[in-house]
């Protein structure tokens, strides 16, 4: 069985942080800070218009010396987004993030926006899977008493089967 994006969403939740296209960069930064995230989607009537990330702000606002209080997110947002569905396999999502050099993937389901996953979410899932595989193989070879343990802080998303 191949794990899907839906499994990550079940663990991390489906909360998506967003701003309107009329929001200023200053408002987007406040939302990111309040929510403890590095990006926000730009939504209009529930439809994804783009994404504003810390990188967008550094490159398109700070580097160009724009005033974040007067700059609207539509001026600096990333418009070209790659999306996945809840049934996209984690392997496919990882390949997409790698090949397209993107960090965030909106998840679009049958009823619209279903969540947002990041390259960090995918890496955490993969790390958890590798740890579980090491434990399984060590237990198989050496017996149950020798199964290695790693601090859970090394991976945010546990293995789910």
C-alpha atoms as a PDB file:
ATOM      1  CA  UNK A   1       0.000   0.000   0.000  1.00  0.00           C
ATOM      2  CA  UNK A   2       1.284   3.468  -0.894  1.00  0.00           C
ATOM      3  CA  UNK A   3       0.747   6.231   1.651  1.00  0.00           C
ATOM      4  CA  UNK A   4      -1.176   9.243   0.383  1.00  0.00           C
ATOM      5  CA  UNK A   5      -1.277  12.966   1.053  1.00  0.00           C
ATOM      6  CA  UNK A   6      -4.548  12.361   2.921  1.00  0.00           C
ATOM      7  CA  UNK A   7      -2.603  10.473   5.596  1.00  0.00           C
ATOM      8  CA  UNK A   8      -0.396  13.499   6.215  1.00  0.00           C
ATOM      9  CA  UNK A   9      -3.477  15.733   6.421  1.00  0.00           C
ATOM     10  CA  UNK A  10      -5.075  13.366   8.942  1.00  0.00           C
ATOM     11  CA  UNK A  11      -2.044  13.766  11.183  1.00  0.00           C
ATOM     12  CA  UNK A  12      -1.227  17.450  10.774  1.00  0.00           C
ATOM     13  CA  UNK A  13      -4.769  18.690  10.235  1.00  0.00           C
ATOM     14  CA  UNK A  14      -6.417  20.515   7.405  1.00  0.00           C
ATOM     15  CA  UNK A  15      -6.145  24.056   8.750  1.00  0.00           C
ATOM     16  CA  UNK A  16      -5.030  26.470   6.063  1.00  0.00           C
ATOM     17  CA  UNK A  17      -3.925  29.986   6.840  1.00  0.00           C
ATOM     18  CA  UNK A  18      -4.882  32.526   4.220  1.00  0.00           C
ATOM     19  CA  UNK A  19      -5.283  36.180   3.391  1.00  0.00           C
ATOM     20  CA  UNK A  20      -7.414  37.953   0.814  1.00  0.00           C
ATOM     21  CA  UNK A  21      -5.956  39.354  -2.402  1.00  0.00           C
ATOM     22  CA  UNK A  22      -6.523  42.866  -0.996  1.00  0.00           C
ATOM     23  CA  UNK A  23      -4.375  42.208   2.094  1.00  0.00           C
ATOM     24  CA  UNK A  24      -1.114  44.064   2.476  1.00  0.00           C
ATOM     25  CA  UNK A  25       2.191  42.293   2.935  1.00  0.00           C
ATOM     26  CA  UNK A  26       2.200  43.686   6.471  1.00  0.00           C
ATOM     27  CA  UNK A  27      -1.120  41.904   7.164  1.00  0.00           C
ATOM     28  CA  UNK A  28       0.183  38.672   5.607  1.00  0.00           C
ATOM     29  CA  UNK A  29       3.287  38.820   7.818  1.00  0.00           C
ATOM     30  CA  UNK A  30       1.097  39.382  10.890  1.00  0.00           C
ATOM     31  CA  UNK A  31      -1.003  36.337   9.950  1.00  0.00           C
ATOM     32  CA  UNK A  32       2.114  34.192   9.445  1.00  0.00           C
ATOM     33  CA  UNK A  33       3.549  35.335  12.780  1.00  0.00           C
ATOM     34  CA  UNK A  34       0.266  34.818  14.654  1.00  0.00           C
ATOM     35  CA  UNK A  35      -0.157  31.321  13.206  1.00  0.00           C
ATOM     36  CA  UNK A  36       3.503  30.326  13.404  1.00  0.00           C
ATOM     37  CA  UNK A  37       3.764  29.454   9.713  1.00  0.00           C
ATOM     38  CA  UNK A  38       6.117  30.437   6.899  1.00  0.00           C
ATOM     39  CA  UNK A  39       3.488  30.993   4.215  1.00  0.00           C
ATOM     40  CA  UNK A  40      -0.145  31.859   3.657  1.00  0.00           C
ATOM     41  CA  UNK A  41      -2.390  31.128   0.748  1.00  0.00           C
ATOM     42  CA  UNK A  42      -4.091  33.989  -1.056  1.00  0.00           C
ATOM     43  CA  UNK A  43      -7.761  33.037  -1.379  1.00  0.00           C
ATOM     44  CA  UNK A  44     -10.642  34.743  -3.183  1.00  0.00           C
ATOM     45  CA  UNK A  45     -14.105  33.209  -2.764  1.00  0.00           C
ATOM     46  CA  UNK A  46     -12.475  29.985  -1.574  1.00  0.00           C
ATOM     47  CA  UNK A  47     -10.297  29.690  -4.673  1.00  0.00           C
ATOM     48  CA  UNK A  48      -6.512  29.679  -4.458  1.00  0.00           C
ATOM     49  CA  UNK A  49      -5.044  32.715  -6.218  1.00  0.00           C
ATOM     50  CA  UNK A  50      -1.479  32.309  -5.029  1.00  0.00           C
ATOM     51  CA  UNK A  51       0.809  31.896  -2.043  1.00  0.00           C
ATOM     52  CA  UNK A  52       2.953  34.336  -0.078  1.00  0.00           C
ATOM     53  CA  UNK A  53       5.998  32.845   1.622  1.00  0.00           C
ATOM     54  CA  UNK A  54       8.824  34.242   3.699  1.00  0.00           C
ATOM     55  CA  UNK A  55      11.001  33.851   0.609  1.00  0.00           C
ATOM     56  CA  UNK A  56       8.597  35.945  -1.499  1.00  0.00           C
ATOM     57  CA  UNK A  57       8.712  38.690   1.112  1.00  0.00           C
ATOM     58  CA  UNK A  58      12.506  38.683   1.293  1.00  0.00           C
ATOM     59  CA  UNK A  59      13.019  38.682  -2.466  1.00  0.00           C
ATOM     60  CA  UNK A  60      10.146  40.858  -3.632  1.00  0.00           C
ATOM     61  CA  UNK A  61       9.626  43.276  -0.737  1.00  0.00           C
ATOM     62  CA  UNK A  62      12.736  43.569   1.426  1.00  0.00           C
ATOM     63  CA  UNK A  63      15.283  43.288  -1.404  1.00  0.00           C
ATOM     64  CA  UNK A  64      13.359  45.814  -3.497  1.00  0.00           C
ATOM     65  CA  UNK A  65      12.836  48.112  -0.504  1.00  0.00           C
ATOM     66  CA  UNK A  66       9.048  48.147  -0.849  1.00  0.00           C
ATOM     67  CA  UNK A  67       6.930  49.277   2.070  1.00  0.00           C
ATOM     68  CA  UNK A  68       5.040  46.203   3.371  1.00  0.00           C
ATOM     69  CA  UNK A  69       2.259  48.478   4.660  1.00  0.00           C
ATOM     70  CA  UNK A  70       1.562  49.748   1.134  1.00  0.00           C
ATOM     71  CA  UNK A  71       2.338  46.628  -0.905  1.00  0.00           C
ATOM     72  CA  UNK A  72      -0.584  44.327  -1.695  1.00  0.00           C
ATOM     73  CA  UNK A  73       0.032  40.570  -1.603  1.00  0.00           C
ATOM     74  CA  UNK A  74      -1.055  40.167  -5.234  1.00  0.00           C
ATOM     75  CA  UNK A  75       1.981  42.246  -6.222  1.00  0.00           C
ATOM     76  CA  UNK A  76       4.462  39.809  -4.699  1.00  0.00           C
ATOM     77  CA  UNK A  77       2.732  36.432  -4.343  1.00  0.00           C
ATOM     78  CA  UNK A  78       3.777  33.290  -6.144  1.00  0.00           C
ATOM     79  CA  UNK A  79       1.091  32.723  -8.740  1.00  0.00           C
ATOM     80  CA  UNK A  80       2.284  29.468 -10.277  1.00  0.00           C
ATOM     81  CA  UNK A  81       1.370  26.763  -7.783  1.00  0.00           C
ATOM     82  CA  UNK A  82       1.577  23.018  -8.160  1.00  0.00           C
ATOM     83  CA  UNK A  83      -1.293  21.174  -6.513  1.00  0.00           C
ATOM     84  CA  UNK A  84      -2.002  17.629  -5.421  1.00  0.00           C
ATOM     85  CA  UNK A  85      -5.125  15.719  -4.454  1.00  0.00           C
ATOM     86  CA  UNK A  86      -5.724  13.796  -1.226  1.00  0.00           C
ATOM     87  CA  UNK A  87      -5.133  10.561  -3.168  1.00  0.00           C
ATOM     88  CA  UNK A  88      -1.749  11.642  -4.528  1.00  0.00           C
ATOM     89  CA  UNK A  89       0.882   9.315  -3.124  1.00  0.00           C
ATOM     90  CA  UNK A  90       3.516  10.790  -0.854  1.00  0.00           C
ATOM     91  CA  UNK A  91       6.156   9.560  -3.294  1.00  0.00           C
ATOM     92  CA  UNK A  92       4.473  11.463  -6.138  1.00  0.00           C
ATOM     93  CA  UNK A  93       4.243  14.597  -3.993  1.00  0.00           C
ATOM     94  CA  UNK A  94       7.933  14.317  -3.074  1.00  0.00           C
ATOM     95  CA  UNK A  95       8.860  13.943  -6.740  1.00  0.00           C
ATOM     96  CA  UNK A  96       6.762  17.011  -7.616  1.00  0.00           C
ATOM     97  CA  UNK A  97       8.367  19.150  -4.897  1.00  0.00           C
ATOM     98  CA  UNK A  98      11.815  18.043  -6.055  1.00  0.00           C
ATOM     99  CA  UNK A  99      11.316  18.390  -9.795  1.00  0.00           C
ATOM    100  CA  UNK A 100       9.403  21.681  -9.668  1.00  0.00           C
ATOM    101  CA  UNK A 101      11.553  23.118  -6.876  1.00  0.00           C
ATOM    102  CA  UNK A 102       8.545  24.218  -4.856  1.00  0.00           C
ATOM    103  CA  UNK A 103       8.032  24.048  -1.104  1.00  0.00           C
ATOM    104  CA  UNK A 104       4.255  24.122  -0.713  1.00  0.00           C
ATOM    105  CA  UNK A 105       1.507  22.058  -2.318  1.00  0.00           C
ATOM    106  CA  UNK A 106      -2.137  23.055  -1.908  1.00  0.00           C
ATOM    107  CA  UNK A 107      -4.275  19.920  -1.637  1.00  0.00           C
ATOM    108  CA  UNK A 108      -7.388  20.178  -3.806  1.00  0.00           C
ATOM    109  CA  UNK A 109     -10.152  17.658  -3.143  1.00  0.00           C
ATOM    110  CA  UNK A 110     -13.572  17.081  -4.664  1.00  0.00           C
ATOM    111  CA  UNK A 111     -15.026  19.939  -2.606  1.00  0.00           C
ATOM    112  CA  UNK A 112     -12.176  22.391  -3.135  1.00  0.00           C
ATOM    113  CA  UNK A 113      -9.214  23.258  -0.934  1.00  0.00           C
ATOM    114  CA  UNK A 114      -8.574  20.359   1.451  1.00  0.00           C
ATOM    115  CA  UNK A 115      -5.307  21.497   3.041  1.00  0.00           C
ATOM    116  CA  UNK A 116      -1.712  22.475   2.411  1.00  0.00           C
ATOM    117  CA  UNK A 117       1.383  20.333   2.729  1.00  0.00           C
ATOM    118  CA  UNK A 118       4.980  21.463   2.698  1.00  0.00           C
ATOM    119  CA  UNK A 119       8.273  19.897   1.752  1.00  0.00           C
ATOM    120  CA  UNK A 120       8.905  19.718   5.511  1.00  0.00           C
ATOM    121  CA  UNK A 121       5.753  17.645   6.012  1.00  0.00           C
ATOM    122  CA  UNK A 122       6.899  15.261   3.295  1.00  0.00           C
ATOM    123  CA  UNK A 123      10.413  15.018   4.726  1.00  0.00           C
ATOM    124  CA  UNK A 124       9.032  14.347   8.220  1.00  0.00           C
ATOM    125  CA  UNK A 125       6.803  11.569   6.874  1.00  0.00           C
ATOM    126  CA  UNK A 126       9.707  10.028   4.978  1.00  0.00           C
ATOM    127  CA  UNK A 127      11.979  10.196   8.038  1.00  0.00           C
ATOM    128  CA  UNK A 128       9.316   8.482  10.138  1.00  0.00           C
ATOM    129  CA  UNK A 129       8.944   5.767   7.519  1.00  0.00           C
ATOM    130  CA  UNK A 130      12.700   5.189   7.374  1.00  0.00           C
ATOM    131  CA  UNK A 131      12.911   5.006  11.163  1.00  0.00           C
ATOM    132  CA  UNK A 132      10.091   2.456  11.253  1.00  0.00           C
ATOM    133  CA  UNK A 133      11.826   0.394   8.573  1.00  0.00           C
ATOM    134  CA  UNK A 134      15.109   0.428  10.526  1.00  0.00           C
ATOM    135  CA  UNK A 135      13.236  -0.672  13.664  1.00  0.00           C
ATOM    136  CA  UNK A 136      11.445  -3.456  11.791  1.00  0.00           C
ATOM    137  CA  UNK A 137      14.658  -4.743  10.202  1.00  0.00           C
ATOM    138  CA  UNK A 138      16.626  -4.538  13.459  1.00  0.00           C
ATOM    139  CA  UNK A 139      13.880  -6.417  15.292  1.00  0.00           C
ATOM    140  CA  UNK A 140      13.793  -9.045  12.535  1.00  0.00           C
ATOM    141  CA  UNK A 141      17.562  -9.557  12.590  1.00  0.00           C
ATOM    142  CA  UNK A 142      18.405  -9.105  16.274  1.00  0.00           C
ATOM    143  CA  UNK A 143      15.146  -9.638  18.138  1.00  0.00           C
ATOM    144  CA  UNK A 144      12.670  -7.304  19.854  1.00  0.00           C
ATOM    145  CA  UNK A 145      14.996  -6.151  22.659  1.00  0.00           C
ATOM    146  CA  UNK A 146      17.406  -4.527  20.184  1.00  0.00           C
ATOM    147  CA  UNK A 147      14.990  -2.263  18.339  1.00  0.00           C
ATOM    148  CA  UNK A 148      16.498   1.249  18.067  1.00  0.00           C
ATOM    149  CA  UNK A 149      14.672   4.315  19.268  1.00  0.00           C
ATOM    150  CA  UNK A 150      15.072   7.859  18.037  1.00  0.00           C
ATOM    151  CA  UNK A 151      13.767  11.007  19.715  1.00  0.00           C
ATOM    152  CA  UNK A 152      10.346  11.856  18.308  1.00  0.00           C
ATOM    153  CA  UNK A 153      11.595  15.395  17.651  1.00  0.00           C
ATOM    154  CA  UNK A 154      13.526  14.004  14.673  1.00  0.00           C
ATOM    155  CA  UNK A 155      10.303  13.500  12.789  1.00  0.00           C
ATOM    156  CA  UNK A 156       7.016  15.248  13.264  1.00  0.00           C
ATOM    157  CA  UNK A 157       4.711  12.743  11.628  1.00  0.00           C
ATOM    158  CA  UNK A 158       4.600   9.185  12.974  1.00  0.00           C
ATOM    159  CA  UNK A 159       4.172   6.133  10.823  1.00  0.00           C
ATOM    160  CA  UNK A 160       0.537   5.207  10.209  1.00  0.00           C
ATOM    161  CA  UNK A 161      -0.661   1.918   8.735  1.00  0.00           C
END
